[in-house]
């Protein structure tokens, strides 16, 4: 409320938008109303470019396969020794998890048998 009274007393209009309050519109209008380069035209829609890239089914499939092969060439494949190490680590971890689940299952089965008197 006090802002409105202050602006009425000083004879200035109160800024109506955040851009006005930051002074962006007033700066653009003070230099002759210049517009940011590249403005003044509509933003192209995504649908326009998507329909231009579509081709026949076989052309799209061939392009997909070429891109897959190109990506696979970028992959750094592990050496034989790395692969053996990774395989051993996975097998040890899986064996440990199997033993843990078996032990917990046996423990809970004994607990339930004692609790309900089987």
PDB file of N, CA and C in Angstrom:
ATOM      1  N   UNK A   1       0.815  -1.172   0.000  1.00  0.00           N
ATOM      2  CA  UNK A   1       0.000   0.000   0.000  1.00  0.00           C
ATOM      3  C   UNK A   1       0.865   1.245   0.000  1.00  0.00           C
ATOM      4  N   UNK A   2       1.943   1.222   0.767  1.00  0.00           N
ATOM      5  CA  UNK A   2       2.795   2.397   0.841  1.00  0.00           C
ATOM      6  C   UNK A   2       3.522   2.611  -0.478  1.00  0.00           C
ATOM      7  N   UNK A   3       3.805   1.538  -1.242  1.00  0.00           N
ATOM      8  CA  UNK A   3       4.458   1.688  -2.540  1.00  0.00           C
ATOM      9  C   UNK A   3       3.562   2.452  -3.503  1.00  0.00           C
ATOM     10  N   UNK A   4       2.249   2.156  -3.480  1.00  0.00           N
ATOM     11  CA  UNK A   4       1.333   2.849  -4.375  1.00  0.00           C
ATOM     12  C   UNK A   4       1.259   4.326  -4.027  1.00  0.00           C
ATOM     13  N   UNK A   5       1.208   4.615  -2.734  1.00  0.00           N
ATOM     14  CA  UNK A   5       1.138   6.024  -2.332  1.00  0.00           C
ATOM     15  C   UNK A   5       2.421   6.754  -2.695  1.00  0.00           C
ATOM     16  N   UNK A   6       3.575   6.079  -2.499  1.00  0.00           N
ATOM     17  CA  UNK A   6       4.841   6.713  -2.832  1.00  0.00           C
ATOM     18  C   UNK A   6       4.939   6.978  -4.321  1.00  0.00           C
ATOM     19  N   UNK A   7       4.484   6.027  -5.151  1.00  0.00           N
ATOM     20  CA  UNK A   7       4.578   6.226  -6.594  1.00  0.00           C
ATOM     21  C   UNK A   7       3.602   7.295  -7.055  1.00  0.00           C
ATOM     22  N   UNK A   8       2.424   7.404  -6.385  1.00  0.00           N
ATOM     23  CA  UNK A   8       1.479   8.453  -6.756  1.00  0.00           C
ATOM     24  C   UNK A   8       2.045   9.818  -6.406  1.00  0.00           C
ATOM     25  N   UNK A   9       2.755   9.911  -5.295  1.00  0.00           N
ATOM     26  CA  UNK A   9       3.325  11.179  -4.878  1.00  0.00           C
ATOM     27  C   UNK A   9       4.462  11.607  -5.804  1.00  0.00           C
ATOM     28  N   UNK A  10       5.271  10.650  -6.245  1.00  0.00           N
ATOM     29  CA  UNK A  10       6.416  11.012  -7.071  1.00  0.00           C
ATOM     30  C   UNK A  10       6.035  11.194  -8.531  1.00  0.00           C
ATOM     31  N   UNK A  11       4.826  10.755  -8.936  1.00  0.00           N
ATOM     32  CA  UNK A  11       4.384  10.940 -10.304  1.00  0.00           C
ATOM     33  C   UNK A  11       4.864   9.843 -11.244  1.00  0.00           C
ATOM     34  N   UNK A  12       5.435   8.791 -10.709  1.00  0.00           N
ATOM     35  CA  UNK A  12       5.889   7.693 -11.549  1.00  0.00           C
ATOM     36  C   UNK A  12       4.907   6.538 -11.473  1.00  0.00           C
ATOM     37  N   UNK A  13       4.832   5.789 -12.591  1.00  0.00           N
ATOM     38  CA  UNK A  13       3.973   4.610 -12.577  1.00  0.00           C
ATOM     39  C   UNK A  13       4.666   3.477 -11.852  1.00  0.00           C
ATOM     40  N   UNK A  14       3.866   2.669 -11.220  1.00  0.00           N
ATOM     41  CA  UNK A  14       4.402   1.502 -10.530  1.00  0.00           C
ATOM     42  C   UNK A  14       4.662   0.409 -11.558  1.00  0.00           C
ATOM     43  N   UNK A  15       5.828  -0.273 -11.532  1.00  0.00           N
ATOM     44  CA  UNK A  15       6.097  -1.341 -12.512  1.00  0.00           C
ATOM     45  C   UNK A  15       5.086  -2.457 -12.373  1.00  0.00           C
ATOM     46  N   UNK A  16       4.595  -2.940 -13.524  1.00  0.00           N
ATOM     47  CA  UNK A  16       3.547  -3.949 -13.479  1.00  0.00           C
ATOM     48  C   UNK A  16       4.090  -5.372 -13.567  1.00  0.00           C
ATOM     49  N   UNK A  17       5.284  -5.564 -14.089  1.00  0.00           N
ATOM     50  CA  UNK A  17       5.835  -6.912 -14.201  1.00  0.00           C
ATOM     51  C   UNK A  17       7.218  -6.957 -13.575  1.00  0.00           C
ATOM     52  N   UNK A  18       7.700  -8.176 -13.393  1.00  0.00           N
ATOM     53  CA  UNK A  18       9.030  -8.342 -12.815  1.00  0.00           C
ATOM     54  C   UNK A  18      10.099  -7.773 -13.738  1.00  0.00           C
ATOM     55  N   UNK A  19       9.904  -7.910 -15.062  1.00  0.00           N
ATOM     56  CA  UNK A  19      10.880  -7.359 -16.008  1.00  0.00           C
ATOM     57  C   UNK A  19      10.925  -5.846 -15.907  1.00  0.00           C
ATOM     58  N   UNK A  20       9.766  -5.235 -15.703  1.00  0.00           N
ATOM     59  CA  UNK A  20       9.743  -3.775 -15.524  1.00  0.00           C
ATOM     60  C   UNK A  20      10.461  -3.385 -14.243  1.00  0.00           C
ATOM     61  N   UNK A  21      10.244  -4.142 -13.181  1.00  0.00           N
ATOM     62  CA  UNK A  21      10.892  -3.810 -11.915  1.00  0.00           C
ATOM     63  C   UNK A  21      12.404  -3.941 -12.010  1.00  0.00           C
ATOM     64  N   UNK A  22      12.885  -4.891 -12.817  1.00  0.00           N
ATOM     65  CA  UNK A  22      14.329  -5.035 -12.994  1.00  0.00           C
ATOM     66  C   UNK A  22      14.878  -4.026 -13.968  1.00  0.00           C
ATOM     67  N   UNK A  23      14.020  -3.321 -14.672  1.00  0.00           N
ATOM     68  CA  UNK A  23      14.462  -2.279 -15.578  1.00  0.00           C
ATOM     69  C   UNK A  23      14.808  -2.769 -16.960  1.00  0.00           C
ATOM     70  N   UNK A  24      14.441  -3.978 -17.316  1.00  0.00           N
ATOM     71  CA  UNK A  24      14.813  -4.496 -18.625  1.00  0.00           C
ATOM     72  C   UNK A  24      13.985  -3.865 -19.729  1.00  0.00           C
ATOM     73  N   UNK A  25      12.711  -3.718 -19.508  1.00  0.00           N
ATOM     74  CA  UNK A  25      11.886  -3.134 -20.560  1.00  0.00           C
ATOM     75  C   UNK A  25      12.165  -1.658 -20.720  1.00  0.00           C
ATOM     76  N   UNK A  26      12.404  -0.997 -19.615  1.00  0.00           N
ATOM     77  CA  UNK A  26      12.646   0.429 -19.717  1.00  0.00           C
ATOM     78  C   UNK A  26      13.968   0.697 -20.420  1.00  0.00           C
ATOM     79  N   UNK A  27      14.973  -0.180 -20.237  1.00  0.00           N
ATOM     80  CA  UNK A  27      16.258   0.006 -20.899  1.00  0.00           C
ATOM     81  C   UNK A  27      16.118  -0.238 -22.394  1.00  0.00           C
ATOM     82  N   UNK A  28      15.326  -1.222 -22.797  1.00  0.00           N
ATOM     83  CA  UNK A  28      15.147  -1.514 -24.212  1.00  0.00           C
ATOM     84  C   UNK A  28      14.369  -0.407 -24.891  1.00  0.00           C
ATOM     85  N   UNK A  29      13.392   0.168 -24.204  1.00  0.00           N
ATOM     86  CA  UNK A  29      12.593   1.214 -24.829  1.00  0.00           C
ATOM     87  C   UNK A  29      13.321   2.544 -24.836  1.00  0.00           C
ATOM     88  N   UNK A  30      14.294   2.730 -23.951  1.00  0.00           N
ATOM     89  CA  UNK A  30      14.989   4.003 -23.894  1.00  0.00           C
ATOM     90  C   UNK A  30      15.983   4.162 -25.035  1.00  0.00           C
ATOM     91  N   UNK A  31      16.468   3.036 -25.624  1.00  0.00           N
ATOM     92  CA  UNK A  31      17.422   3.162 -26.714  1.00  0.00           C
ATOM     93  C   UNK A  31      16.756   3.062 -28.080  1.00  0.00           C
ATOM     94  N   UNK A  32      15.493   3.378 -28.139  1.00  0.00           N
ATOM     95  CA  UNK A  32      14.813   3.398 -29.422  1.00  0.00           C
ATOM     96  C   UNK A  32      14.002   2.158 -29.696  1.00  0.00           C
ATOM     97  N   UNK A  33      13.812   1.337 -28.696  1.00  0.00           N
ATOM     98  CA  UNK A  33      12.960   0.164 -28.851  1.00  0.00           C
ATOM     99  C   UNK A  33      13.632  -0.958 -29.623  1.00  0.00           C
ATOM    100  N   UNK A  34      14.919  -1.122 -29.455  1.00  0.00           N
ATOM    101  CA  UNK A  34      15.608  -2.200 -30.154  1.00  0.00           C
ATOM    102  C   UNK A  34      15.125  -3.540 -29.631  1.00  0.00           C
ATOM    103  N   UNK A  35      15.139  -4.509 -30.511  1.00  0.00           N
ATOM    104  CA  UNK A  35      14.665  -5.849 -30.170  1.00  0.00           C
ATOM    105  C   UNK A  35      15.861  -6.774 -30.161  1.00  0.00           C
ATOM    106  N   UNK A  36      15.828  -7.756 -29.288  1.00  0.00           N
ATOM    107  CA  UNK A  36      16.897  -8.734 -29.210  1.00  0.00           C
ATOM    108  C   UNK A  36      17.036  -9.443 -30.553  1.00  0.00           C
ATOM    109  N   UNK A  37      18.263  -9.603 -31.062  1.00  0.00           N
ATOM    110  CA  UNK A  37      18.430 -10.280 -32.351  1.00  0.00           C
ATOM    111  C   UNK A  37      17.873 -11.696 -32.303  1.00  0.00           C
ATOM    112  N   UNK A  38      17.236 -12.099 -33.386  1.00  0.00           N
ATOM    113  CA  UNK A  38      16.676 -13.434 -33.464  1.00  0.00           C
ATOM    114  C   UNK A  38      15.231 -13.502 -33.010  1.00  0.00           C
ATOM    115  N   UNK A  39      14.706 -12.450 -32.473  1.00  0.00           N
ATOM    116  CA  UNK A  39      13.305 -12.434 -32.050  1.00  0.00           C
ATOM    117  C   UNK A  39      12.451 -11.931 -33.203  1.00  0.00           C
ATOM    118  N   UNK A  40      11.170 -12.028 -33.024  1.00  0.00           N
ATOM    119  CA  UNK A  40      10.277 -11.545 -34.055  1.00  0.00           C
ATOM    120  C   UNK A  40       9.768 -12.650 -34.959  1.00  0.00           C
ATOM    121  N   UNK A  41      10.168 -13.887 -34.714  1.00  0.00           N
ATOM    122  CA  UNK A  41       9.662 -15.013 -35.491  1.00  0.00           C
ATOM    123  C   UNK A  41       9.294 -16.138 -34.524  1.00  0.00           C
ATOM    124  N   UNK A  42       8.425 -16.991 -34.977  1.00  0.00           N
ATOM    125  CA  UNK A  42       7.953 -18.083 -34.121  1.00  0.00           C
ATOM    126  C   UNK A  42       9.030 -19.140 -33.971  1.00  0.00           C
ATOM    127  N   UNK A  43       9.035 -19.805 -32.829  1.00  0.00           N
ATOM    128  CA  UNK A  43       9.944 -20.916 -32.591  1.00  0.00           C
ATOM    129  C   UNK A  43       9.461 -22.105 -33.396  1.00  0.00           C
ATOM    130  N   UNK A  44      10.341 -22.755 -34.149  1.00  0.00           N
ATOM    131  CA  UNK A  44       9.882 -23.897 -34.948  1.00  0.00           C
ATOM    132  C   UNK A  44       9.405 -25.030 -34.054  1.00  0.00           C
ATOM    133  N   UNK A  45       8.376 -25.720 -34.494  1.00  0.00           N
ATOM    134  CA  UNK A  45       7.826 -26.818 -33.701  1.00  0.00           C
ATOM    135  C   UNK A  45       8.664 -28.069 -33.899  1.00  0.00           C
ATOM    136  N   UNK A  46       8.587 -28.975 -32.943  1.00  0.00           N
ATOM    137  CA  UNK A  46       9.357 -30.214 -33.023  1.00  0.00           C
ATOM    138  C   UNK A  46       8.809 -31.133 -34.092  1.00  0.00           C
ATOM    139  N   UNK A  47       7.519 -31.066 -34.330  1.00  0.00           N
ATOM    140  CA  UNK A  47       6.896 -31.951 -35.300  1.00  0.00           C
ATOM    141  C   UNK A  47       7.416 -31.733 -36.703  1.00  0.00           C
ATOM    142  N   UNK A  48       7.833 -30.520 -37.025  1.00  0.00           N
ATOM    143  CA  UNK A  48       8.312 -30.225 -38.371  1.00  0.00           C
ATOM    144  C   UNK A  48       9.614 -30.957 -38.659  1.00  0.00           C
ATOM    145  N   UNK A  49      10.507 -31.015 -37.690  1.00  0.00           N
ATOM    146  CA  UNK A  49      11.783 -31.697 -37.923  1.00  0.00           C
ATOM    147  C   UNK A  49      11.627 -33.204 -37.819  1.00  0.00           C
ATOM    148  N   UNK A  50      10.696 -33.675 -36.992  1.00  0.00           N
ATOM    149  CA  UNK A  50      10.524 -35.113 -36.822  1.00  0.00           C
ATOM    150  C   UNK A  50       9.976 -35.752 -38.093  1.00  0.00           C
ATOM    151  N   UNK A  51       9.070 -35.072 -38.780  1.00  0.00           N
ATOM    152  CA  UNK A  51       8.510 -35.648 -39.998  1.00  0.00           C
ATOM    153  C   UNK A  51       9.526 -35.618 -41.127  1.00  0.00           C
ATOM    154  N   UNK A  52      10.447 -34.658 -41.117  1.00  0.00           N
ATOM    155  CA  UNK A  52      11.454 -34.586 -42.173  1.00  0.00           C
ATOM    156  C   UNK A  52      12.462 -35.720 -42.032  1.00  0.00           C
ATOM    157  N   UNK A  53      12.725 -36.192 -40.813  1.00  0.00           N
ATOM    158  CA  UNK A  53      13.701 -37.243 -40.590  1.00  0.00           C
ATOM    159  C   UNK A  53      13.133 -38.639 -40.839  1.00  0.00           C
ATOM    160  N   UNK A  54      11.826 -38.765 -40.908  1.00  0.00           N
ATOM    161  CA  UNK A  54      11.239 -40.086 -41.135  1.00  0.00           C
ATOM    162  C   UNK A  54      11.441 -40.499 -42.578  1.00  0.00           C
ATOM    163  N   UNK A  55      11.777 -41.737 -42.749  1.00  0.00           N
ATOM    164  CA  UNK A  55      11.917 -42.311 -44.079  1.00  0.00           C
ATOM    165  C   UNK A  55      11.171 -43.615 -44.098  1.00  0.00           C
ATOM    166  N   UNK A  56      11.554 -44.471 -45.003  1.00  0.00           N
ATOM    167  CA  UNK A  56      10.914 -45.769 -45.037  1.00  0.00           C
ATOM    168  C   UNK A  56      11.366 -46.595 -43.836  1.00  0.00           C
ATOM    169  N   UNK A  57      10.666 -47.658 -43.598  1.00  0.00           N
ATOM    170  CA  UNK A  57      10.982 -48.524 -42.463  1.00  0.00           C
ATOM    171  C   UNK A  57      12.391 -49.098 -42.597  1.00  0.00           C
ATOM    172  N   UNK A  58      12.758 -49.504 -43.801  1.00  0.00           N
ATOM    173  CA  UNK A  58      14.077 -50.100 -44.009  1.00  0.00           C
ATOM    174  C   UNK A  58      15.187 -49.059 -43.843  1.00  0.00           C
ATOM    175  N   UNK A  59      14.944 -47.827 -44.259  1.00  0.00           N
ATOM    176  CA  UNK A  59      15.953 -46.777 -44.107  1.00  0.00           C
ATOM    177  C   UNK A  59      16.179 -46.465 -42.629  1.00  0.00           C
ATOM    178  N   UNK A  60      15.105 -46.418 -41.857  1.00  0.00           N
ATOM    179  CA  UNK A  60      15.240 -46.156 -40.420  1.00  0.00           C
ATOM    180  C   UNK A  60      15.921 -47.313 -39.718  1.00  0.00           C
ATOM    181  N   UNK A  61      15.610 -48.543 -40.119  1.00  0.00           N
ATOM    182  CA  UNK A  61      16.239 -49.716 -39.520  1.00  0.00           C
ATOM    183  C   UNK A  61      17.734 -49.746 -39.841  1.00  0.00           C
ATOM    184  N   UNK A  62      18.095 -49.431 -41.074  1.00  0.00           N
ATOM    185  CA  UNK A  62      19.505 -49.405 -41.464  1.00  0.00           C
ATOM    186  C   UNK A  62      20.252 -48.319 -40.685  1.00  0.00           C
ATOM    187  N   UNK A  63      19.621 -47.156 -40.531  1.00  0.00           N
ATOM    188  CA  UNK A  63      20.256 -46.071 -39.771  1.00  0.00           C
ATOM    189  C   UNK A  63      20.450 -46.485 -38.319  1.00  0.00           C
ATOM    190  N   UNK A  64      19.450 -47.146 -37.727  1.00  0.00           N
ATOM    191  CA  UNK A  64      19.555 -47.607 -36.353  1.00  0.00           C
ATOM    192  C   UNK A  64      20.717 -48.585 -36.194  1.00  0.00           C
ATOM    193  N   UNK A  65      20.830 -49.539 -37.110  1.00  0.00           N
ATOM    194  CA  UNK A  65      21.905 -50.529 -37.029  1.00  0.00           C
ATOM    195  C   UNK A  65      23.277 -49.877 -37.202  1.00  0.00           C
ATOM    196  N   UNK A  66      23.389 -48.891 -38.101  1.00  0.00           N
ATOM    197  CA  UNK A  66      24.663 -48.174 -38.255  1.00  0.00           C
ATOM    198  C   UNK A  66      25.039 -47.452 -36.979  1.00  0.00           C
ATOM    199  N   UNK A  67      24.047 -46.839 -36.312  1.00  0.00           N
ATOM    200  CA  UNK A  67      24.318 -46.138 -35.057  1.00  0.00           C
ATOM    201  C   UNK A  67      24.707 -47.106 -33.945  1.00  0.00           C
ATOM    202  N   UNK A  68      24.099 -48.289 -33.917  1.00  0.00           N
ATOM    203  CA  UNK A  68      24.456 -49.301 -32.920  1.00  0.00           C
ATOM    204  C   UNK A  68      25.894 -49.740 -33.106  1.00  0.00           C
ATOM    205  N   UNK A  69      26.280 -50.002 -34.343  1.00  0.00           N
ATOM    206  CA  UNK A  69      27.660 -50.431 -34.621  1.00  0.00           C
ATOM    207  C   UNK A  69      28.634 -49.313 -34.251  1.00  0.00           C
ATOM    208  N   UNK A  70      28.274 -48.057 -34.549  1.00  0.00           N
ATOM    209  CA  UNK A  70      29.148 -46.935 -34.210  1.00  0.00           C
ATOM    210  C   UNK A  70      29.320 -46.811 -32.702  1.00  0.00           C
ATOM    211  N   UNK A  71      28.262 -47.032 -31.937  1.00  0.00           N
ATOM    212  CA  UNK A  71      28.364 -46.965 -30.478  1.00  0.00           C
ATOM    213  C   UNK A  71      29.183 -48.124 -29.924  1.00  0.00           C
ATOM    214  N   UNK A  72      29.028 -49.314 -30.508  1.00  0.00           N
ATOM    215  CA  UNK A  72      29.799 -50.466 -30.034  1.00  0.00           C
ATOM    216  C   UNK A  72      31.288 -50.295 -30.296  1.00  0.00           C
ATOM    217  N   UNK A  73      31.648 -49.548 -31.325  1.00  0.00           N
ATOM    218  CA  UNK A  73      33.065 -49.292 -31.577  1.00  0.00           C
ATOM    219  C   UNK A  73      33.675 -48.388 -30.515  1.00  0.00           C
ATOM    220  N   UNK A  74      32.843 -47.599 -29.832  1.00  0.00           N
ATOM    221  CA  UNK A  74      33.330 -46.698 -28.788  1.00  0.00           C
ATOM    222  C   UNK A  74      33.563 -47.416 -27.460  1.00  0.00           C
ATOM    223  N   UNK A  75      33.022 -48.613 -27.319  1.00  0.00           N
ATOM    224  CA  UNK A  75      33.103 -49.348 -26.055  1.00  0.00           C
ATOM    225  C   UNK A  75      34.537 -49.818 -25.822  1.00  0.00           C
ATOM    226  N   UNK A  76      34.991 -49.666 -24.584  1.00  0.00           N
ATOM    227  CA  UNK A  76      36.297 -50.192 -24.201  1.00  0.00           C
ATOM    228  C   UNK A  76      36.050 -51.565 -23.585  1.00  0.00           C
ATOM    229  N   UNK A  77      36.393 -52.603 -24.324  1.00  0.00           N
ATOM    230  CA  UNK A  77      36.124 -53.954 -23.882  1.00  0.00           C
ATOM    231  C   UNK A  77      37.172 -54.379 -22.865  1.00  0.00           C
ATOM    232  N   UNK A  78      36.766 -55.151 -21.832  1.00  0.00           N
ATOM    233  CA  UNK A  78      37.744 -55.600 -20.828  1.00  0.00           C
ATOM    234  C   UNK A  78      38.693 -56.645 -21.417  1.00  0.00           C
ATOM    235  N   UNK A  79      39.892 -56.671 -20.847  1.00  0.00           N
ATOM    236  CA  UNK A  79      40.860 -57.686 -21.270  1.00  0.00           C
ATOM    237  C   UNK A  79      40.465 -59.039 -20.670  1.00  0.00           C
ATOM    238  N   UNK A  80      41.162 -60.083 -21.091  1.00  0.00           N
ATOM    239  CA  UNK A  80      40.845 -61.426 -20.589  1.00  0.00           C
ATOM    240  C   UNK A  80      41.082 -61.514 -19.087  1.00  0.00           C
ATOM    241  N   UNK A  81      42.164 -60.939 -18.600  1.00  0.00           N
ATOM    242  CA  UNK A  81      42.457 -61.009 -17.160  1.00  0.00           C
ATOM    243  C   UNK A  81      41.414 -60.221 -16.351  1.00  0.00           C
ATOM    244  N   UNK A  82      40.977 -59.089 -16.875  1.00  0.00           N
ATOM    245  CA  UNK A  82      39.931 -58.335 -16.181  1.00  0.00           C
ATOM    246  C   UNK A  82      38.632 -59.137 -16.145  1.00  0.00           C
ATOM    247  N   UNK A  83      38.317 -59.795 -17.254  1.00  0.00           N
ATOM    248  CA  UNK A  83      37.083 -60.572 -17.315  1.00  0.00           C
ATOM    249  C   UNK A  83      37.104 -61.736 -16.340  1.00  0.00           C
ATOM    250  N   UNK A  84      38.256 -62.404 -16.220  1.00  0.00           N
ATOM    251  CA  UNK A  84      38.394 -63.508 -15.260  1.00  0.00           C
ATOM    252  C   UNK A  84      38.229 -62.980 -13.843  1.00  0.00           C
ATOM    253  N   UNK A  85      38.842 -61.829 -13.545  1.00  0.00           N
ATOM    254  CA  UNK A  85      38.733 -61.243 -12.205  1.00  0.00           C
ATOM    255  C   UNK A  85      37.291 -60.878 -11.892  1.00  0.00           C
ATOM    256  N   UNK A  86      36.605 -60.221 -12.829  1.00  0.00           N
ATOM    257  CA  UNK A  86      35.207 -59.830 -12.600  1.00  0.00           C
ATOM    258  C   UNK A  86      34.318 -61.048 -12.400  1.00  0.00           C
ATOM    259  N   UNK A  87      34.568 -62.118 -13.179  1.00  0.00           N
ATOM    260  CA  UNK A  87      33.763 -63.335 -13.062  1.00  0.00           C
ATOM    261  C   UNK A  87      33.950 -63.977 -11.696  1.00  0.00           C
ATOM    262  N   UNK A  88      35.186 -64.040 -11.230  1.00  0.00           N
ATOM    263  CA  UNK A  88      35.460 -64.628  -9.911  1.00  0.00           C
ATOM    264  C   UNK A  88      34.793 -63.805  -8.810  1.00  0.00           C
ATOM    265  N   UNK A  89      34.873 -62.494  -8.898  1.00  0.00           N
ATOM    266  CA  UNK A  89      34.253 -61.629  -7.886  1.00  0.00           C
ATOM    267  C   UNK A  89      32.741 -61.850  -7.852  1.00  0.00           C
ATOM    268  N   UNK A  90      32.120 -61.933  -9.017  1.00  0.00           N
ATOM    269  CA  UNK A  90      30.669 -62.142  -9.074  1.00  0.00           C
ATOM    270  C   UNK A  90      30.298 -63.501  -8.499  1.00  0.00           C
ATOM    271  N   UNK A  91      31.034 -64.540  -8.844  1.00  0.00           N
ATOM    272  CA  UNK A  91      30.717 -65.877  -8.331  1.00  0.00           C
ATOM    273  C   UNK A  91      30.880 -65.961  -6.815  1.00  0.00           C
ATOM    274  N   UNK A  92      31.912 -65.326  -6.279  1.00  0.00           N
ATOM    275  CA  UNK A  92      32.111 -65.318  -4.824  1.00  0.00           C
ATOM    276  C   UNK A  92      30.973 -64.569  -4.139  1.00  0.00           C
ATOM    277  N   UNK A  93      30.595 -63.438  -4.689  1.00  0.00           N
ATOM    278  CA  UNK A  93      29.518 -62.648  -4.082  1.00  0.00           C
ATOM    279  C   UNK A  93      28.189 -63.407  -4.122  1.00  0.00           C
ATOM    280  N   UNK A  94      27.876 -64.019  -5.256  1.00  0.00           N
ATOM    281  CA  UNK A  94      26.626 -64.772  -5.367  1.00  0.00           C
ATOM    282  C   UNK A  94      26.636 -65.963  -4.409  1.00  0.00           C
ATOM    283  N   UNK A  95      27.764 -66.646  -4.274  1.00  0.00           N
ATOM    284  CA  UNK A  95      27.856 -67.770  -3.333  1.00  0.00           C
ATOM    285  C   UNK A  95      27.637 -67.300  -1.898  1.00  0.00           C
ATOM    286  N   UNK A  96      28.214 -66.169  -1.542  1.00  0.00           N
ATOM    287  CA  UNK A  96      28.016 -65.611  -0.206  1.00  0.00           C
ATOM    288  C   UNK A  96      26.546 -65.278   0.034  1.00  0.00           C
ATOM    289  N   UNK A  97      25.904 -64.673  -0.932  1.00  0.00           N
ATOM    290  CA  UNK A  97      24.488 -64.309  -0.760  1.00  0.00           C
ATOM    291  C   UNK A  97      23.606 -65.555  -0.646  1.00  0.00           C
ATOM    292  N   UNK A  98      23.922 -66.593  -1.418  1.00  0.00           N
ATOM    293  CA  UNK A  98      23.153 -67.840  -1.316  1.00  0.00           C
ATOM    294  C   UNK A  98      23.305 -68.432   0.087  1.00  0.00           C
ATOM    295  N   UNK A  99      24.527 -68.465   0.600  1.00  0.00           N
ATOM    296  CA  UNK A  99      24.768 -69.004   1.940  1.00  0.00           C
ATOM    297  C   UNK A  99      24.049 -68.177   3.000  1.00  0.00           C
ATOM    298  N   UNK A 100      24.057 -66.864   2.859  1.00  0.00           N
ATOM    299  CA  UNK A 100      23.382 -65.988   3.825  1.00  0.00           C
ATOM    300  C   UNK A 100      21.875 -66.219   3.823  1.00  0.00           C
ATOM    301  N   UNK A 101      21.287 -66.278   2.644  1.00  0.00           N
ATOM    302  CA  UNK A 101      19.837 -66.500   2.561  1.00  0.00           C
ATOM    303  C   UNK A 101      19.484 -67.889   3.093  1.00  0.00           C
ATOM    304  N   UNK A 102      20.297 -68.897   2.786  1.00  0.00           N
ATOM    305  CA  UNK A 102      20.051 -70.254   3.304  1.00  0.00           C
ATOM    306  C   UNK A 102      20.117 -70.276   4.827  1.00  0.00           C
ATOM    307  N   UNK A 103      21.118 -69.604   5.401  1.00  0.00           N
ATOM    308  CA  UNK A 103      21.262 -69.580   6.863  1.00  0.00           C
ATOM    309  C   UNK A 103      20.083 -68.869   7.517  1.00  0.00           C
ATOM    310  N   UNK A 104      19.687 -67.729   6.970  1.00  0.00           N
ATOM    311  CA  UNK A 104      18.550 -67.009   7.554  1.00  0.00           C
ATOM    312  C   UNK A 104      17.259 -67.795   7.408  1.00  0.00           C
ATOM    313  N   UNK A 105      17.060 -68.448   6.250  1.00  0.00           N
ATOM    314  CA  UNK A 105      15.860 -69.242   6.044  1.00  0.00           C
ATOM    315  C   UNK A 105      15.811 -70.409   7.031  1.00  0.00           C
ATOM    316  N   UNK A 106      16.930 -71.080   7.237  1.00  0.00           N
ATOM    317  CA  UNK A 106      16.983 -72.199   8.197  1.00  0.00           C
ATOM    318  C   UNK A 106      16.710 -71.700   9.615  1.00  0.00           C
ATOM    319  N   UNK A 107      17.285 -70.568   9.966  1.00  0.00           N
ATOM    320  CA  UNK A 107      17.097 -69.998  11.298  1.00  0.00           C
ATOM    321  C   UNK A 107      15.630 -69.641  11.537  1.00  0.00           C
ATOM    322  N   UNK A 108      15.013 -68.995  10.567  1.00  0.00           N
ATOM    323  CA  UNK A 108      13.605 -68.619  10.730  1.00  0.00           C
ATOM    324  C   UNK A 108      12.704 -69.847  10.740  1.00  0.00           C
ATOM    325  N   UNK A 109      13.049 -70.879   9.951  1.00  0.00           N
ATOM    326  CA  UNK A 109      12.248 -72.107   9.943  1.00  0.00           C
ATOM    327  C   UNK A 109      12.311 -72.792  11.303  1.00  0.00           C
ATOM    328  N   UNK A 110      13.491 -72.856  11.906  1.00  0.00           N
ATOM    329  CA  UNK A 110      13.620 -73.433  13.255  1.00  0.00           C
ATOM    330  C   UNK A 110      12.864 -72.603  14.275  1.00  0.00           C
ATOM    331  N   UNK A 111      12.925 -71.274  14.149  1.00  0.00           N
ATOM    332  CA  UNK A 111      12.204 -70.397  15.082  1.00  0.00           C
ATOM    333  C   UNK A 111      10.713 -70.578  15.001  1.00  0.00           C
ATOM    334  N   UNK A 112      10.188 -70.698  13.778  1.00  0.00           N
ATOM    335  CA  UNK A 112       8.747 -70.911  13.609  1.00  0.00           C
ATOM    336  C   UNK A 112       8.367 -72.280  14.128  1.00  0.00           C
ATOM    337  N   UNK A 113       9.189 -73.279  13.898  1.00  0.00           N
ATOM    338  CA  UNK A 113       8.891 -74.646  14.398  1.00  0.00           C
ATOM    339  C   UNK A 113       8.874 -74.664  15.914  1.00  0.00           C
ATOM    340  N   UNK A 114       9.802 -73.976  16.561  1.00  0.00           N
ATOM    341  CA  UNK A 114       9.795 -73.903  18.035  1.00  0.00           C
ATOM    342  C   UNK A 114       8.609 -73.098  18.553  1.00  0.00           C
ATOM    343  N   UNK A 115       8.265 -72.036  17.868  1.00  0.00           N
ATOM    344  CA  UNK A 115       7.173 -71.162  18.324  1.00  0.00           C
ATOM    345  C   UNK A 115       5.823 -71.863  18.239  1.00  0.00           C
ATOM    346  N   UNK A 116       5.582 -72.566  17.136  1.00  0.00           N
ATOM    347  CA  UNK A 116       4.271 -73.196  16.944  1.00  0.00           C
ATOM    348  C   UNK A 116       4.269 -74.678  17.287  1.00  0.00           C
ATOM    349  N   UNK A 117       5.392 -75.240  17.721  1.00  0.00           N
ATOM    350  CA  UNK A 117       5.453 -76.624  18.200  1.00  0.00           C
ATOM    351  C   UNK A 117       5.169 -77.637  17.124  1.00  0.00           C
ATOM    352  N   UNK A 118       5.915 -77.635  16.112  1.00  0.00           N
ATOM    353  CA  UNK A 118       5.709 -78.577  15.015  1.00  0.00           C
ATOM    354  C   UNK A 118       6.388 -79.867  15.249  1.00  0.00           C
TER     355      UNK A 118
END
